[in-house]
PDB file of N, CA and C in Angstrom:
ATOM      1  N   MET A   1      67.874 102.055 102.801  1.00  0.00           N
ATOM      2  CA  MET A   1      68.948 100.988 102.780  1.00  0.00           C
ATOM      3  C   MET A   1      68.753 100.207 104.303  1.00  0.00           C
ATOM      4  N   THR A   2      68.344  98.831 103.809  1.00  0.00           N
ATOM      5  CA  THR A   2      68.136  97.640 104.344  1.00  0.00           C
ATOM      6  C   THR A   2      70.036  96.859 104.730  1.00  0.00           C
ATOM      7  N   ILE A   3      70.397  97.169 106.265  1.00  0.00           N
ATOM      8  CA  ILE A   3      71.801  96.266 106.801  1.00  0.00           C
ATOM      9  C   ILE A   3      71.571  94.705 107.692  1.00  0.00           C
ATOM     10  N   GLU A   4      72.176  94.005 107.269  1.00  0.00           N
ATOM     11  CA  GLU A   4      71.530  93.028 108.102  1.00  0.00           C
ATOM     12  C   GLU A   4      73.014  92.384 108.750  1.00  0.00           C
ATOM     13  N   LEU A   5      72.969  92.613 109.856  1.00  0.00           N
ATOM     14  CA  LEU A   5      74.072  92.207 110.919  1.00  0.00           C
ATOM     15  C   LEU A   5      74.168  90.993 111.536  1.00  0.00           C
ATOM     16  N   LYS A   6      75.303  90.483 111.722  1.00  0.00           N
ATOM     17  CA  LYS A   6      75.742  89.368 112.229  1.00  0.00           C
ATOM     18  C   LYS A   6      74.972  89.273 114.125  1.00  0.00           C
ATOM     19  N   PRO A   7      74.722  88.316 114.495  1.00  0.00           N
ATOM     20  CA  PRO A   7      74.141  88.537 115.996  1.00  0.00           C
ATOM     21  C   PRO A   7      75.548  89.425 116.637  1.00  0.00           C
ATOM     22  N   GLU A   8      77.450  88.795 116.393  1.00  0.00           N
ATOM     23  CA  GLU A   8      78.054  89.549 117.379  1.00  0.00           C
ATOM     24  C   GLU A   8      78.181  91.286 116.566  1.00  0.00           C
ATOM     25  N   GLN A   9      77.682  91.936 115.624  1.00  0.00           N
ATOM     26  CA  GLN A   9      78.359  92.733 115.284  1.00  0.00           C
ATOM     27  C   GLN A   9      77.126  93.743 115.875  1.00  0.00           C
ATOM     28  N   GLU A  10      75.200  93.222 116.406  1.00  0.00           N
ATOM     29  CA  GLU A  10      74.622  93.912 116.905  1.00  0.00           C
ATOM     30  C   GLU A  10      74.582  93.717 117.957  1.00  0.00           C
ATOM     31  N   ARG A  11      75.266  92.888 118.658  1.00  0.00           N
ATOM     32  CA  ARG A  11      75.514  92.824 120.785  1.00  0.00           C
ATOM     33  C   ARG A  11      76.862  93.985 120.791  1.00  0.00           C
ATOM     34  N   LEU A  12      77.689  94.136 120.018  1.00  0.00           N
ATOM     35  CA  LEU A  12      78.720  95.383 120.035  1.00  0.00           C
ATOM     36  C   LEU A  12      78.133  96.648 119.995  1.00  0.00           C
ATOM     37  N   LEU A  13      77.082  96.789 118.888  1.00  0.00           N
ATOM     38  CA  LEU A  13      76.258  98.110 118.539  1.00  0.00           C
ATOM     39  C   LEU A  13      75.524  98.528 119.959  1.00  0.00           C
ATOM     40  N   HIS A  14      75.221  97.635 120.118  1.00  0.00           N
ATOM     41  CA  HIS A  14      73.939  97.520 121.449  1.00  0.00           C
ATOM     42  C   HIS A  14      75.210  98.159 123.072  1.00  0.00           C
ATOM     43  N   GLU A  15      76.317  97.202 122.986  1.00  0.00           N
ATOM     44  CA  GLU A  15      77.360  97.363 123.825  1.00  0.00           C
ATOM     45  C   GLU A  15      77.519  98.990 124.349  1.00  0.00           C
ATOM     46  N   HIS A  16      77.896  99.357 122.684  1.00  0.00           N
ATOM     47  CA  HIS A  16      78.678 100.927 122.633  1.00  0.00           C
ATOM     48  C   HIS A  16      77.529 101.749 122.833  1.00  0.00           C
ATOM     49  N   LEU A  17      75.979 101.846 122.080  1.00  0.00           N
ATOM     50  CA  LEU A  17      75.149 102.719 122.648  1.00  0.00           C
ATOM     51  C   LEU A  17      74.697 102.124 124.270  1.00  0.00           C
ATOM     52  N   ALA A  18      75.138 101.450 125.013  1.00  0.00           N
ATOM     53  CA  ALA A  18      75.273 101.528 126.292  1.00  0.00           C
ATOM     54  C   ALA A  18      75.941 102.493 127.207  1.00  0.00           C
ATOM     55  N   THR A  19      76.766 102.564 126.603  1.00  0.00           N
ATOM     56  CA  THR A  19      77.755 103.354 127.365  1.00  0.00           C
ATOM     57  C   THR A  19      77.547 104.767 127.453  1.00  0.00           C
ATOM     58  N   GLY A  20      76.567 105.570 126.535  1.00  0.00           N
ATOM     59  CA  GLY A  20      76.048 106.499 126.581  1.00  0.00           C
ATOM     60  C   GLY A  20      76.636 107.450 125.549  1.00  0.00           C
ATOM     61  N   LEU A  21      77.976 107.498 125.060  1.00  0.00           N
ATOM     62  CA  LEU A  21      78.673 107.980 124.585  1.00  0.00           C
ATOM     63  C   LEU A  21      77.643 108.016 123.052  1.00  0.00           C
ATOM     64  N   PHE A  22      76.724 107.794 122.451  1.00  0.00           N
ATOM     65  CA  PHE A  22      75.925 107.621 121.592  1.00  0.00           C
ATOM     66  C   PHE A  22      74.676 108.020 121.545  1.00  0.00           C
ATOM     67  N   ARG A  23      73.749 108.701 121.197  1.00  0.00           N
ATOM     68  CA  ARG A  23      72.283 108.848 121.106  1.00  0.00           C
ATOM     69  C   ARG A  23      71.539 107.919 120.652  1.00  0.00           C
ATOM     70  N   SER A  24      72.327 107.419 119.809  1.00  0.00           N
ATOM     71  CA  SER A  24      71.391 106.629 118.657  1.00  0.00           C
ATOM     72  C   SER A  24      72.187 106.029 117.679  1.00  0.00           C
ATOM     73  N   ILE A  25      72.472 104.683 117.307  1.00  0.00           N
ATOM     74  CA  ILE A  25      72.785 104.163 116.037  1.00  0.00           C
ATOM     75  C   ILE A  25      73.327 104.843 115.151  1.00  0.00           C
ATOM     76  N   ASP A  26      72.821 105.786 114.593  1.00  0.00           N
ATOM     77  CA  ASP A  26      73.115 106.704 113.696  1.00  0.00           C
ATOM     78  C   ASP A  26      74.194 107.385 113.616  1.00  0.00           C
ATOM     79  N   ASP A  27      74.234 108.095 115.559  1.00  0.00           N
ATOM     80  CA  ASP A  27      75.494 108.657 115.787  1.00  0.00           C
ATOM     81  C   ASP A  27      76.338 108.048 115.750  1.00  0.00           C
ATOM     82  N   LEU A  28      76.125 106.599 116.157  1.00  0.00           N
ATOM     83  CA  LEU A  28      77.244 105.728 116.631  1.00  0.00           C
ATOM     84  C   LEU A  28      77.986 105.119 115.023  1.00  0.00           C
ATOM     85  N   LEU A  29      77.108 105.144 114.151  1.00  0.00           N
ATOM     86  CA  LEU A  29      77.579 104.518 112.606  1.00  0.00           C
ATOM     87  C   LEU A  29      78.289 105.780 111.952  1.00  0.00           C
ATOM     88  N   THR A  30      78.228 107.028 112.117  1.00  0.00           N
ATOM     89  CA  THR A  30      78.334 108.474 111.807  1.00  0.00           C
ATOM     90  C   THR A  30      80.092 108.446 112.496  1.00  0.00           C
ATOM     91  N   ALA A  31      80.183 108.012 113.531  1.00  0.00           N
ATOM     92  CA  ALA A  31      81.884 108.085 113.755  1.00  0.00           C
ATOM     93  C   ALA A  31      82.344 107.103 113.520  1.00  0.00           C
ATOM     94  N   ALA A  32      81.849 106.169 113.220  1.00  0.00           N
ATOM     95  CA  ALA A  32      83.227 104.600 112.957  1.00  0.00           C
ATOM     96  C   ALA A  32      83.075 104.677 111.668  1.00  0.00           C
ATOM     97  N   LEU A  33      82.047 105.609 110.718  1.00  0.00           N
ATOM     98  CA  LEU A  33      82.516 105.541 109.377  1.00  0.00           C
ATOM     99  C   LEU A  33      83.335 106.896 108.936  1.00  0.00           C
ATOM    100  N   SER A  34      83.385 107.815 109.813  1.00  0.00           N
ATOM    101  CA  SER A  34      84.012 108.859 109.643  1.00  0.00           C
ATOM    102  C   SER A  34      85.701 108.631 109.787  1.00  0.00           C
ATOM    103  N   ASN A  35      85.769 107.786 111.036  1.00  0.00           N
ATOM    104  CA  ASN A  35      87.268 107.240 110.962  1.00  0.00           C
ATOM    105  C   ASN A  35      87.805 106.145 110.338  1.00  0.00           C
ATOM    106  N   LEU A  36      87.074 106.132 109.213  1.00  0.00           N
ATOM    107  CA  LEU A  36      87.482 105.175 107.886  1.00  0.00           C
ATOM    108  C   LEU A  36      88.453 106.027 107.057  1.00  0.00           C
ATOM    109  N   PRO A  37      89.288 105.090 106.216  1.00  0.00           N
ATOM    110  CA  PRO A  37      90.088 105.946 105.294  1.00  0.00           C
ATOM    111  C   PRO A  37      89.636 106.488 103.937  1.00  0.00           C
ATOM    112  N   ARG A  38      89.729 107.613 103.631  1.00  0.00           N
ATOM    113  CA  ARG A  38      88.961 107.706 102.292  1.00  0.00           C
ATOM    114  C   ARG A  38      89.651 107.088 101.248  1.00  0.00           C
ATOM    115  N   ASN A  39      88.741 106.988 100.023  1.00  0.00           N
ATOM    116  CA  ASN A  39      89.679 106.318  99.578  1.00  0.00           C
ATOM    117  C   ASN A  39      90.957 105.214  99.269  1.00  0.00           C
ATOM    118  N   GLY A  40      90.372 104.732 100.017  1.00  0.00           N
ATOM    119  CA  GLY A  40      90.867 103.444 100.694  1.00  0.00           C
ATOM    120  C   GLY A  40      92.609 103.845 101.112  1.00  0.00           C
ATOM    121  N   ARG A  41      93.367 104.837 100.950  1.00  0.00           N
ATOM    122  CA  ARG A  41      94.163 105.238 101.344  1.00  0.00           C
ATOM    123  C   ARG A  41      94.284 105.968 103.186  1.00  0.00           C
ATOM    124  N   PHE A  42      95.403 106.037 103.757  1.00  0.00           N
ATOM    125  CA  PHE A  42      95.183 106.399 104.921  1.00  0.00           C
ATOM    126  C   PHE A  42      95.764 108.024 104.973  1.00  0.00           C
ATOM    127  N   ASP A  43      95.314 108.877 106.088  1.00  0.00           N
ATOM    128  CA  ASP A  43      95.698 110.464 105.704  1.00  0.00           C
ATOM    129  C   ASP A  43      97.282 110.575 106.148  1.00  0.00           C
ATOM    130  N   ALA A  44      98.159 111.214 105.708  1.00  0.00           N
ATOM    131  CA  ALA A  44      99.235 111.174 105.834  1.00  0.00           C
ATOM    132  C   ALA A  44      99.686 111.145 107.554  1.00  0.00           C
ATOM    133  N   SER A  45      99.104 112.255 107.491  1.00  0.00           N
ATOM    134  CA  SER A  45      99.129 112.883 109.165  1.00  0.00           C
ATOM    135  C   SER A  45      98.657 111.382 110.419  1.00  0.00           C
ATOM    136  N   VAL A  46      98.290 110.689 110.054  1.00  0.00           N
ATOM    137  CA  VAL A  46      97.680 109.357 110.859  1.00  0.00           C
ATOM    138  C   VAL A  46      98.723 108.261 110.488  1.00  0.00           C
ATOM    139  N   ARG A  47      99.179 108.419 109.271  1.00  0.00           N
ATOM    140  CA  ARG A  47     100.749 107.249 109.059  1.00  0.00           C
ATOM    141  C   ARG A  47     101.601 108.054 109.713  1.00  0.00           C
ATOM    142  N   ARG A  48     101.732 109.467 109.788  1.00  0.00           N
ATOM    143  CA  ARG A  48     103.317 109.911 110.272  1.00  0.00           C
ATOM    144  C   ARG A  48     103.021 109.620 111.608  1.00  0.00           C
ATOM    145  N   GLN A  49     101.718 110.019 112.537  1.00  0.00           N
ATOM    146  CA  GLN A  49     101.661 109.226 114.013  1.00  0.00           C
ATOM    147  C   GLN A  49     101.995 108.042 114.228  1.00  0.00           C
ATOM    148  N   ALA A  50     101.845 107.220 113.073  1.00  0.00           N
ATOM    149  CA  ALA A  50     101.969 105.766 113.605  1.00  0.00           C
ATOM    150  C   ALA A  50     103.115 105.409 113.184  1.00  0.00           C
ATOM    151  N   VAL A  51     103.941 105.541 112.587  1.00  0.00           N
ATOM    152  CA  VAL A  51     105.182 105.609 112.465  1.00  0.00           C
ATOM    153  C   VAL A  51     106.019 106.236 113.580  1.00  0.00           C
ATOM    154  N   ARG A  52     105.762 107.556 114.323  1.00  0.00           N
ATOM    155  CA  ARG A  52     106.373 108.276 115.468  1.00  0.00           C
ATOM    156  C   ARG A  52     105.918 107.260 116.527  1.00  0.00           C
ATOM    157  N   ARG A  53     104.448 106.517 116.473  1.00  0.00           N
ATOM    158  CA  ARG A  53     104.616 105.305 118.185  1.00  0.00           C
ATOM    159  C   ARG A  53     105.363 104.560 118.005  1.00  0.00           C
ATOM    160  N   MET A  54     105.531 103.875 116.632  1.00  0.00           N
ATOM    161  CA  MET A  54     106.381 102.577 116.557  1.00  0.00           C
ATOM    162  C   MET A  54     107.885 103.179 116.890  1.00  0.00           C
ATOM    163  N   LYS A  55     108.609 104.233 116.402  1.00  0.00           N
ATOM    164  CA  LYS A  55     109.436 104.636 116.743  1.00  0.00           C
ATOM    165  C   LYS A  55     110.055 104.998 118.553  1.00  0.00           C
ATOM    166  N   GLU A  56     108.774 105.651 118.693  1.00  0.00           N
ATOM    167  CA  GLU A  56     108.565 105.326 120.593  1.00  0.00           C
ATOM    168  C   GLU A  56     108.194 104.407 121.115  1.00  0.00           C
ATOM    169  N   PHE A  57     108.180 103.588 120.677  1.00  0.00           N
ATOM    170  CA  PHE A  57     107.773 102.091 121.318  1.00  0.00           C
ATOM    171  C   PHE A  57     109.301 101.571 121.391  1.00  0.00           C
ATOM    172  N   GLY A  58     110.053 101.726 120.065  1.00  0.00           N
ATOM    173  CA  GLY A  58     111.152 100.899 119.785  1.00  0.00           C
ATOM    174  C   GLY A  58     112.293 101.499 120.783  1.00  0.00           C
ATOM    175  N   GLU A  59     112.161 102.641 120.889  1.00  0.00           N
ATOM    176  CA  GLU A  59     113.203 103.587 121.757  1.00  0.00           C
ATOM    177  C   GLU A  59     112.896 102.912 122.905  1.00  0.00           C
ATOM    178  N   ARG A  60     111.647 103.167 123.592  1.00  0.00           N
ATOM    179  CA  ARG A  60     110.991 102.290 124.810  1.00  0.00           C
ATOM    180  C   ARG A  60     111.777 101.165 125.224  1.00  0.00           C
ATOM    181  N   HIS A  61     111.865 100.342 124.304  1.00  0.00           N
ATOM    182  CA  HIS A  61     112.042  98.892 124.626  1.00  0.00           C
ATOM    183  C   HIS A  61     113.414  98.023 123.705  1.00  0.00           C
ATOM    184  N   GLN A  62     114.012  99.477 123.479  1.00  0.00           N
ATOM    185  CA  GLN A  62     115.347  99.152 123.515  1.00  0.00           C
ATOM    186  C   GLN A  62     115.860  98.300 121.537  1.00  0.00           C
ATOM    187  N   LEU A  63     114.698  98.625 121.061  1.00  0.00           N
ATOM    188  CA  LEU A  63     114.618  97.891 119.717  1.00  0.00           C
ATOM    189  C   LEU A  63     115.321  98.968 118.726  1.00  0.00           C
ATOM    190  N   SER A  64     115.607  98.428 117.945  1.00  0.00           N
ATOM    191  CA  SER A  64     116.347  99.471 116.656  1.00  0.00           C
ATOM    192  C   SER A  64     115.588  98.581 115.513  1.00  0.00           C
ATOM    193  N   PHE A  65     115.561  99.727 114.668  1.00  0.00           N
ATOM    194  CA  PHE A  65     114.962  99.362 112.871  1.00  0.00           C
ATOM    195  C   PHE A  65     116.106  98.462 112.062  1.00  0.00           C
ATOM    196  N   GLY A  66     117.337  99.080 112.462  1.00  0.00           N
ATOM    197  CA  GLY A  66     118.596  98.733 111.456  1.00  0.00           C
ATOM    198  C   GLY A  66     118.987  97.132 112.081  1.00  0.00           C
ATOM    199  N   GLU A  67     119.021  96.728 113.257  1.00  0.00           N
ATOM    200  CA  GLU A  67     119.356  95.353 113.933  1.00  0.00           C
ATOM    201  C   GLU A  67     118.398  94.296 113.524  1.00  0.00           C
ATOM    202  N   PRO A  68     119.097  93.255 112.947  1.00  0.00           N
ATOM    203  CA  PRO A  68     118.536  92.231 112.532  1.00  0.00           C
ATOM    204  C   PRO A  68     118.517  91.269 113.405  1.00  0.00           C
ATOM    205  N   ILE A  69     117.038  90.844 113.656  1.00  0.00           N
ATOM    206  CA  ILE A  69     116.640  89.942 114.282  1.00  0.00           C
ATOM    207  C   ILE A  69     117.703  88.490 114.152  1.00  0.00           C
ATOM    208  N   THR A  70     118.359  88.039 115.676  1.00  0.00           N
ATOM    209  CA  THR A  70     118.783  86.727 115.464  1.00  0.00           C
ATOM    210  C   THR A  70     118.428  85.698 116.047  1.00  0.00           C
ATOM    211  N   ARG A  71     119.094  84.637 116.230  1.00  0.00           N
ATOM    212  CA  ARG A  71     118.458  83.654 116.841  1.00  0.00           C
ATOM    213  C   ARG A  71     118.663  83.960 118.226  1.00  0.00           C
ATOM    214  N   LYS A  72     119.727  84.246 117.980  1.00  0.00           N
ATOM    215  CA  LYS A  72     120.440  84.368 119.789  1.00  0.00           C
ATOM    216  C   LYS A  72     119.286  85.421 120.442  1.00  0.00           C
ATOM    217  N   SER A  73     119.154  86.570 119.761  1.00  0.00           N
ATOM    218  CA  SER A  73     118.328  87.523 120.272  1.00  0.00           C
ATOM    219  C   SER A  73     116.502  86.841 120.676  1.00  0.00           C
ATOM    220  N   LEU A  74     116.316  86.440 119.855  1.00  0.00           N
ATOM    221  CA  LEU A  74     114.828  85.339 119.949  1.00  0.00           C
ATOM    222  C   LEU A  74     114.956  84.705 121.613  1.00  0.00           C
ATOM    223  N   HIS A  75     115.816  84.186 121.307  1.00  0.00           N
ATOM    224  CA  HIS A  75     115.734  83.313 122.340  1.00  0.00           C
ATOM    225  C   HIS A  75     116.693  83.655 123.706  1.00  0.00           C
ATOM    226  N   GLU A  76     117.149  84.705 123.720  1.00  0.00           N
ATOM    227  CA  GLU A  76     117.698  85.331 125.078  1.00  0.00           C
ATOM    228  C   GLU A  76     117.163  85.574 126.064  1.00  0.00           C
ATOM    229  N   ASN A  77     115.670  85.578 125.771  1.00  0.00           N
ATOM    230  CA  ASN A  77     114.495  86.116 127.278  1.00  0.00           C
ATOM    231  C   ASN A  77     113.607  84.747 127.387  1.00  0.00           C
ATOM    232  N   HIS A  78     113.774  84.080 126.692  1.00  0.00           N
ATOM    233  CA  HIS A  78     112.749  83.291 126.794  1.00  0.00           C
ATOM    234  C   HIS A  78     112.668  82.100 127.330  1.00  0.00           C
ATOM    235  N   ARG A  79     111.981  81.715 128.565  1.00  0.00           N
ATOM    236  CA  ARG A  79     112.227  81.008 129.210  1.00  0.00           C
ATOM    237  C   ARG A  79     110.921  79.748 129.080  1.00  0.00           C
ATOM    238  N   PHE A  80     112.018  78.693 129.227  1.00  0.00           N
ATOM    239  CA  PHE A  80     111.523  77.005 128.942  1.00  0.00           C
ATOM    240  C   PHE A  80     110.660  76.404 130.099  1.00  0.00           C
TER     241      PHE A  80
END
Protein backbone atom coordinates (compact mmCIF):
# COMPACT_ATOMS: atom_id res chain seq x y z
CA MET A 1 0.00 0.00 0.00
CA THR A 2 1.27 3.44 -0.88
CA ILE A 3 0.22 6.35 1.32
CA GLU A 4 0.80 9.99 0.49
CA LEU A 5 1.21 12.25 3.50
CA LYS A 6 0.80 15.97 3.78
CA PRO A 7 4.01 17.75 4.81
CA GLU A 8 2.55 18.46 8.28
CA GLN A 9 1.70 14.78 8.78
CA GLU A 10 5.18 13.71 7.74
CA ARG A 11 6.72 16.27 10.10
CA LEU A 12 4.63 14.89 13.00
CA LEU A 13 5.70 11.32 12.21
CA HIS A 14 9.36 12.32 12.24
CA GLU A 15 8.91 14.28 15.49
CA HIS A 16 7.42 11.23 17.19
CA LEU A 17 10.15 8.98 15.82
CA ALA A 18 12.79 11.37 17.17
CA THR A 19 11.48 10.85 20.72
CA GLY A 20 12.84 7.31 20.66
CA LEU A 21 9.55 5.79 21.79
CA PHE A 22 9.14 4.04 18.45
CA ARG A 23 11.76 2.09 16.49
CA SER A 24 10.14 2.64 13.12
CA ILE A 25 7.23 4.26 11.33
CA ASP A 26 5.59 0.81 11.31
CA ASP A 27 5.74 0.70 15.14
CA LEU A 28 4.38 4.24 15.40
CA LEU A 29 1.50 3.55 12.98
CA THR A 30 0.64 0.28 14.74
CA ALA A 31 0.44 2.08 18.09
CA ALA A 32 -1.64 4.91 16.63
CA LEU A 33 -4.04 2.61 14.78
CA SER A 34 -4.52 0.33 17.80
CA ASN A 35 -5.93 3.31 19.71
CA LEU A 36 -8.67 3.99 17.17
CA PRO A 37 -12.20 2.85 18.02
CA ARG A 38 -13.22 -0.38 16.33
CA ASN A 39 -16.32 -0.48 14.12
CA GLY A 40 -16.78 3.26 14.55
CA ARG A 41 -17.69 2.80 18.21
CA PHE A 42 -15.79 3.57 21.37
CA ASP A 43 -15.14 0.89 23.92
CA ALA A 44 -17.65 1.14 26.79
CA SER A 45 -14.84 1.30 29.35
CA VAL A 46 -13.27 4.26 27.51
CA ARG A 47 -16.64 6.02 27.53
CA ARG A 48 -17.13 5.35 31.26
CA GLN A 49 -13.64 6.66 31.99
CA ALA A 50 -14.36 9.85 30.00
CA VAL A 51 -17.63 10.43 31.87
CA ARG A 52 -15.88 9.83 35.21
CA ARG A 53 -13.18 12.35 34.33
CA MET A 54 -15.80 14.93 33.28
CA LYS A 55 -17.63 14.46 36.59
CA GLU A 56 -14.38 14.82 38.54
CA PHE A 57 -13.61 18.00 36.58
CA GLY A 58 -17.08 19.34 37.40
CA GLU A 59 -16.66 18.60 41.10
CA ARG A 60 -13.17 20.12 41.18
CA HIS A 61 -14.42 23.31 39.54
CA GLN A 62 -17.76 23.35 41.37
CA LEU A 63 -19.83 22.75 38.23
CA SER A 64 -23.13 20.94 38.13
CA PHE A 65 -24.65 19.01 35.23
CA GLY A 66 -28.14 19.84 36.46
CA GLU A 67 -27.69 23.59 36.85
CA PRO A 68 -28.40 25.67 33.76
CA ILE A 69 -25.86 28.25 32.72
CA THR A 70 -27.36 31.69 33.03
CA ARG A 71 -26.20 34.99 31.61
CA LYS A 72 -25.37 36.10 35.17
CA SER A 73 -23.13 33.10 35.85
CA LEU A 74 -21.40 33.52 32.48
CA HIS A 75 -20.52 37.14 33.29
CA GLU A 76 -19.86 36.63 37.01
CA ASN A 77 -16.08 36.32 36.65
CA HIS A 78 -15.71 38.04 33.30
CA ARG A 79 -13.30 40.92 33.28
CA PHE A 80 -13.84 43.73 30.83
